[in-house]
Amino acid sequence: MLIRNEVGSDATMIRRIVTEAMQLLPQATGAEADIIDRLRRDDALILSLVAEDRGEAVGYLAVSMSRIGAESGWGLIGPLAVLPSRHGEGVGSALMAEAIRRLRSTCKGAALVGDPGYYGRFGFRPYPGLRVGDCPPQFVQALPFDAAEPEGELHHHAAFGLTQEG
C-alpha cells in the first residue's frame, strides 16, 4: 500500500470514499465530503493523504491547521475514511501513522474528535481542559508532540460549520 499526497484527479474518488465510509457512522451528517471540498477550496488542508492499493484509492485522511484556545500550530485530523470493503486491513492505521509522522515536523501536536478506543492506540487521549462546544469530552483528543497539556477550545476551520468560542 502507498500513502501519498492527494492529486487533482483524486477529488471524485475521495468524495466516494468519505461518503461510503461515513454512512456507517451514526453521527455522520452526510456533509463530510462537502467539508473536504470547502477545506480544499479555502486552501486550508495542510495534509491531504490518499491510501492507494494496486492503483486504487482505498482510504483518505485530511488535516487542517487549528488552534487550541489561543495556541496555534495544531493539526486537526479529520475526516479519516476507508472504503467499507477495506475495513480491518490496516488502511486507516497506515494513514494515521503517516499523518502523525509528517505533522511532527510542522505542528505542536495533532488533535481530533473521534472514538477513543480507536485513536487511543496512536497516542491520542482526552485532556481535562480540552473541548469542542458541547461534544462529550472523551471524544475530544490530542497528541501533543512535547510535554504541553492542551487546554481550551479545539478550533475547527469554518468549513466544518461549527459555532465556536473565540
C-alpha atoms as a PDB file:
ATOM      1  CA  MET A   1       0.000   0.000   0.000  1.00  0.00           C
ATOM      2  CA  LEU A   2       1.165   3.501  -0.867  1.00  0.00           C
ATOM      3  CA  ILE A   3       0.319   6.578   1.214  1.00  0.00           C
ATOM      4  CA  ARG A   4       0.653   9.661  -0.967  1.00  0.00           C
ATOM      5  CA  ASN A   5      -0.445  13.267  -1.258  1.00  0.00           C
ATOM      6  CA  GLU A   6      -3.732  13.939  -2.987  1.00  0.00           C
ATOM      7  CA  VAL A   7      -3.522  14.975  -6.641  1.00  0.00           C
ATOM      8  CA  GLY A   8      -6.169  16.884  -8.593  1.00  0.00           C
ATOM      9  CA  SER A   9      -7.673  13.803 -10.191  1.00  0.00           C
ATOM     10  CA  ASP A  10      -8.388  12.252  -6.748  1.00  0.00           C
ATOM     11  CA  ALA A  11     -11.252  14.575  -5.753  1.00  0.00           C
ATOM     12  CA  THR A  12     -14.091  12.403  -7.082  1.00  0.00           C
ATOM     13  CA  MET A  13     -12.687   9.213  -5.544  1.00  0.00           C
ATOM     14  CA  ILE A  14     -12.090  10.978  -2.225  1.00  0.00           C
ATOM     15  CA  ARG A  15     -15.756  12.049  -2.174  1.00  0.00           C
ATOM     16  CA  ARG A  16     -16.786   8.425  -2.795  1.00  0.00           C
ATOM     17  CA  ILE A  17     -14.524   7.022  -0.076  1.00  0.00           C
ATOM     18  CA  VAL A  18     -15.622   9.583   2.500  1.00  0.00           C
ATOM     19  CA  THR A  19     -19.313   9.265   1.668  1.00  0.00           C
ATOM     20  CA  GLU A  20     -19.326   5.445   1.757  1.00  0.00           C
ATOM     21  CA  ALA A  21     -17.268   5.272   4.954  1.00  0.00           C
ATOM     22  CA  MET A  22     -19.246   7.905   6.835  1.00  0.00           C
ATOM     23  CA  GLN A  23     -22.612   6.293   6.011  1.00  0.00           C
ATOM     24  CA  LEU A  24     -21.675   3.590   8.522  1.00  0.00           C
ATOM     25  CA  LEU A  25     -21.376   6.046  11.431  1.00  0.00           C
ATOM     26  CA  PRO A  26     -24.465   7.101  13.396  1.00  0.00           C
ATOM     27  CA  GLN A  27     -23.065  10.610  13.952  1.00  0.00           C
ATOM     28  CA  ALA A  28     -22.442  11.202  10.231  1.00  0.00           C
ATOM     29  CA  THR A  29     -24.212  14.193   8.738  1.00  0.00           C
ATOM     30  CA  GLY A  30     -23.787  13.363   5.062  1.00  0.00           C
ATOM     31  CA  ALA A  31     -21.808  16.589   4.634  1.00  0.00           C
ATOM     32  CA  GLU A  32     -18.331  15.183   5.315  1.00  0.00           C
ATOM     33  CA  ALA A  33     -17.257  15.159   1.647  1.00  0.00           C
ATOM     34  CA  ASP A  34     -18.502  18.746   1.300  1.00  0.00           C
ATOM     35  CA  ILE A  35     -16.313  19.734   4.261  1.00  0.00           C
ATOM     36  CA  ILE A  36     -13.254  18.417   2.424  1.00  0.00           C
ATOM     37  CA  ASP A  37     -14.251  20.297  -0.725  1.00  0.00           C
ATOM     38  CA  ARG A  38     -14.553  23.535   1.289  1.00  0.00           C
ATOM     39  CA  LEU A  39     -11.208  22.943   3.032  1.00  0.00           C
ATOM     40  CA  ARG A  40      -9.599  22.311  -0.359  1.00  0.00           C
ATOM     41  CA  ARG A  41     -11.249  25.394  -1.878  1.00  0.00           C
ATOM     42  CA  ASP A  42     -10.028  27.571   1.019  1.00  0.00           C
ATOM     43  CA  ASP A  43      -6.518  26.101   0.751  1.00  0.00           C
ATOM     44  CA  ALA A  44      -6.909  25.006   4.384  1.00  0.00           C
ATOM     45  CA  LEU A  45      -5.586  21.443   4.072  1.00  0.00           C
ATOM     46  CA  ILE A  46      -2.080  21.058   5.432  1.00  0.00           C
ATOM     47  CA  LEU A  47      -2.214  17.322   4.655  1.00  0.00           C
ATOM     48  CA  SER A  48      -4.499  15.531   2.232  1.00  0.00           C
ATOM     49  CA  LEU A  49      -3.399  11.895   2.135  1.00  0.00           C
ATOM     50  CA  VAL A  50      -4.638   9.070  -0.059  1.00  0.00           C
ATOM     51  CA  ALA A  51      -4.065   5.381   0.631  1.00  0.00           C
ATOM     52  CA  GLU A  52      -3.631   3.581  -2.666  1.00  0.00           C
ATOM     53  CA  ASP A  53      -3.510  -0.167  -3.195  1.00  0.00           C
ATOM     54  CA  ARG A  54      -2.696  -1.560  -6.632  1.00  0.00           C
ATOM     55  CA  GLY A  55      -3.600   1.754  -8.251  1.00  0.00           C
ATOM     56  CA  GLU A  56      -6.941   2.105  -6.430  1.00  0.00           C
ATOM     57  CA  ALA A  57      -7.636   4.762  -3.801  1.00  0.00           C
ATOM     58  CA  VAL A  58      -8.987   2.937  -0.731  1.00  0.00           C
ATOM     59  CA  GLY A  59      -8.602   5.475   2.091  1.00  0.00           C
ATOM     60  CA  TYR A  60      -8.295   9.165   2.827  1.00  0.00           C
ATOM     61  CA  LEU A  61      -7.169  11.426   5.670  1.00  0.00           C
ATOM     62  CA  ALA A  62      -7.431  15.221   5.908  1.00  0.00           C
ATOM     63  CA  VAL A  63      -5.543  17.547   8.251  1.00  0.00           C
ATOM     64  CA  SER A  64      -6.288  21.246   8.582  1.00  0.00           C
ATOM     65  CA  MET A  65      -4.487  23.837  10.680  1.00  0.00           C
ATOM     66  CA  SER A  66      -6.077  24.509  14.038  1.00  0.00           C
ATOM     67  CA  ARG A  67      -5.559  26.100  17.390  1.00  0.00           C
ATOM     68  CA  ILE A  68      -6.414  25.092  20.914  1.00  0.00           C
ATOM     69  CA  GLY A  69      -7.516  28.107  22.891  1.00  0.00           C
ATOM     70  CA  ALA A  70      -5.078  30.840  21.856  1.00  0.00           C
ATOM     71  CA  GLU A  71      -2.307  28.383  20.938  1.00  0.00           C
ATOM     72  CA  SER A  72      -1.968  27.985  17.178  1.00  0.00           C
ATOM     73  CA  GLY A  73       0.102  25.378  15.385  1.00  0.00           C
ATOM     74  CA  TRP A  74      -2.058  22.282  15.905  1.00  0.00           C
ATOM     75  CA  GLY A  75      -3.014  19.871  13.140  1.00  0.00           C
ATOM     76  CA  LEU A  76      -6.696  18.918  13.207  1.00  0.00           C
ATOM     77  CA  ILE A  77      -7.161  15.401  11.847  1.00  0.00           C
ATOM     78  CA  GLY A  78     -10.409  14.591  10.129  1.00  0.00           C
ATOM     79  CA  PRO A  79     -12.041  13.123   8.412  1.00  0.00           C
ATOM     80  CA  LEU A  80     -10.308   9.766   8.226  1.00  0.00           C
ATOM     81  CA  ALA A  81     -12.165   7.420   5.893  1.00  0.00           C
ATOM     82  CA  VAL A  82     -11.609   3.933   4.485  1.00  0.00           C
ATOM     83  CA  LEU A  83     -13.770   2.124   1.950  1.00  0.00           C
ATOM     84  CA  PRO A  84     -16.017  -0.217   3.944  1.00  0.00           C
ATOM     85  CA  SER A  85     -14.825  -3.175   1.866  1.00  0.00           C
ATOM     86  CA  ARG A  86     -11.283  -2.482   3.132  1.00  0.00           C
ATOM     87  CA  HIS A  87     -12.026  -2.111   6.867  1.00  0.00           C
ATOM     88  CA  GLY A  88      -9.805  -4.159   9.153  1.00  0.00           C
ATOM     89  CA  GLU A  89      -6.870  -4.234   6.732  1.00  0.00           C
ATOM     90  CA  GLY A  90      -4.770  -1.502   8.364  1.00  0.00           C
ATOM     91  CA  VAL A  91      -5.549   1.233   5.827  1.00  0.00           C
ATOM     92  CA  GLY A  92      -6.674   3.743   8.477  1.00  0.00           C
ATOM     93  CA  SER A  93      -3.706   2.892  10.698  1.00  0.00           C
ATOM     94  CA  ALA A  94      -1.289   3.456   7.825  1.00  0.00           C
ATOM     95  CA  LEU A  95      -2.861   6.833   7.055  1.00  0.00           C
ATOM     96  CA  MET A  96      -2.729   7.874  10.735  1.00  0.00           C
ATOM     97  CA  ALA A  97       0.893   6.787  11.161  1.00  0.00           C
ATOM     98  CA  GLU A  98       1.961   8.768   8.095  1.00  0.00           C
ATOM     99  CA  ALA A  99      -0.011  11.849   9.116  1.00  0.00           C
ATOM    100  CA  ILE A 100       1.492  11.835  12.620  1.00  0.00           C
ATOM    101  CA  ARG A 101       4.980  11.327  11.191  1.00  0.00           C
ATOM    102  CA  ARG A 102       4.603  14.328   8.886  1.00  0.00           C
ATOM    103  CA  LEU A 103       2.921  16.567  11.461  1.00  0.00           C
ATOM    104  CA  ARG A 104       5.732  16.079  13.991  1.00  0.00           C
ATOM    105  CA  SER A 105       7.991  18.322  11.911  1.00  0.00           C
ATOM    106  CA  THR A 106       5.465  21.148  11.419  1.00  0.00           C
ATOM    107  CA  CYS A 107       2.970  21.215  14.313  1.00  0.00           C
ATOM    108  CA  LYS A 108       2.862  21.401  18.115  1.00  0.00           C
ATOM    109  CA  GLY A 109       0.630  18.359  18.076  1.00  0.00           C
ATOM    110  CA  ALA A 110      -2.362  16.725  16.497  1.00  0.00           C
ATOM    111  CA  ALA A 111      -5.952  16.841  17.679  1.00  0.00           C
ATOM    112  CA  LEU A 112      -9.269  15.317  16.645  1.00  0.00           C
ATOM    113  CA  VAL A 113     -12.780  14.414  17.632  1.00  0.00           C
ATOM    114  CA  GLY A 114     -13.312  10.674  17.464  1.00  0.00           C
ATOM    115  CA  ASP A 115     -13.568   7.261  19.052  1.00  0.00           C
ATOM    116  CA  PRO A 116     -11.135   6.998  21.998  1.00  0.00           C
ATOM    117  CA  GLY A 117     -10.928   3.231  21.537  1.00  0.00           C
ATOM    118  CA  TYR A 118      -9.584   3.654  18.015  1.00  0.00           C
ATOM    119  CA  TYR A 119      -7.459   6.785  18.297  1.00  0.00           C
ATOM    120  CA  GLY A 120      -6.009   5.922  21.703  1.00  0.00           C
ATOM    121  CA  ARG A 121      -3.739   3.350  20.099  1.00  0.00           C
ATOM    122  CA  PHE A 122      -1.976   6.178  18.246  1.00  0.00           C
ATOM    123  CA  GLY A 123      -1.343   8.078  21.480  1.00  0.00           C
ATOM    124  CA  PHE A 124      -4.369  10.395  21.387  1.00  0.00           C
ATOM    125  CA  ARG A 125      -6.194  10.998  24.640  1.00  0.00           C
ATOM    126  CA  PRO A 126      -8.672  13.442  26.147  1.00  0.00           C
ATOM    127  CA  TYR A 127      -7.385  16.260  28.362  1.00  0.00           C
ATOM    128  CA  PRO A 128      -9.451  17.830  31.166  1.00  0.00           C
ATOM    129  CA  GLY A 129      -9.425  21.324  29.670  1.00  0.00           C
ATOM    130  CA  LEU A 130      -9.783  20.339  26.003  1.00  0.00           C
ATOM    131  CA  ARG A 131     -13.211  20.801  24.460  1.00  0.00           C
ATOM    132  CA  VAL A 132     -15.319  21.389  21.356  1.00  0.00           C
ATOM    133  CA  GLY A 133     -18.628  23.032  22.172  1.00  0.00           C
ATOM    134  CA  ASP A 134     -20.947  20.567  23.863  1.00  0.00           C
ATOM    135  CA  CYS A 135     -19.223  17.484  22.426  1.00  0.00           C
ATOM    136  CA  PRO A 136     -18.702  14.814  25.105  1.00  0.00           C
ATOM    137  CA  PRO A 137     -15.154  15.417  26.402  1.00  0.00           C
ATOM    138  CA  GLN A 138     -13.948  11.820  25.980  1.00  0.00           C
ATOM    139  CA  PHE A 139     -14.184  12.251  22.186  1.00  0.00           C
ATOM    140  CA  VAL A 140     -12.070  15.444  22.036  1.00  0.00           C
ATOM    141  CA  GLN A 141      -8.483  14.210  21.990  1.00  0.00           C
ATOM    142  CA  ALA A 142      -4.972  15.438  21.387  1.00  0.00           C
ATOM    143  CA  LEU A 143      -1.487  14.113  20.834  1.00  0.00           C
ATOM    144  CA  PRO A 144       0.992  16.825  21.880  1.00  0.00           C
ATOM    145  CA  PHE A 145       4.467  16.461  20.391  1.00  0.00           C
ATOM    146  CA  ASP A 146       6.035  17.970  23.515  1.00  0.00           C
ATOM    147  CA  ALA A 147       5.177  17.963  27.215  1.00  0.00           C
ATOM    148  CA  ALA A 148       2.450  20.602  26.866  1.00  0.00           C
ATOM    149  CA  GLU A 149      -1.041  19.791  28.089  1.00  0.00           C
ATOM    150  CA  PRO A 150      -3.563  21.291  25.650  1.00  0.00           C
ATOM    151  CA  GLU A 151      -6.290  23.380  27.219  1.00  0.00           C
ATOM    152  CA  GLY A 152      -9.157  25.303  25.639  1.00  0.00           C
ATOM    153  CA  GLU A 153     -11.484  25.036  22.682  1.00  0.00           C
ATOM    154  CA  LEU A 154     -10.227  22.958  19.739  1.00  0.00           C
ATOM    155  CA  HIS A 155     -10.969  25.299  16.848  1.00  0.00           C
ATOM    156  CA  HIS A 156     -12.116  23.894  13.534  1.00  0.00           C
ATOM    157  CA  HIS A 157     -11.948  25.673  10.168  1.00  0.00           C
ATOM    158  CA  ALA A 158     -15.231  27.336   9.168  1.00  0.00           C
ATOM    159  CA  ALA A 159     -15.742  24.516   6.626  1.00  0.00           C
ATOM    160  CA  PHE A 160     -16.874  22.286   9.499  1.00  0.00           C
ATOM    161  CA  GLY A 161     -19.810  24.606  10.187  1.00  0.00           C
ATOM    162  CA  LEU A 162     -19.357  24.757  13.951  1.00  0.00           C
ATOM    163  CA  THR A 163     -20.174  27.727  16.136  1.00  0.00           C
ATOM    164  CA  GLN A 164     -17.181  28.082  18.445  1.00  0.00           C
ATOM    165  CA  GLU A 165     -15.978  30.285  21.277  1.00  0.00           C
ATOM    166  CA  GLY A 166     -13.357  32.939  20.461  1.00  0.00           C
END
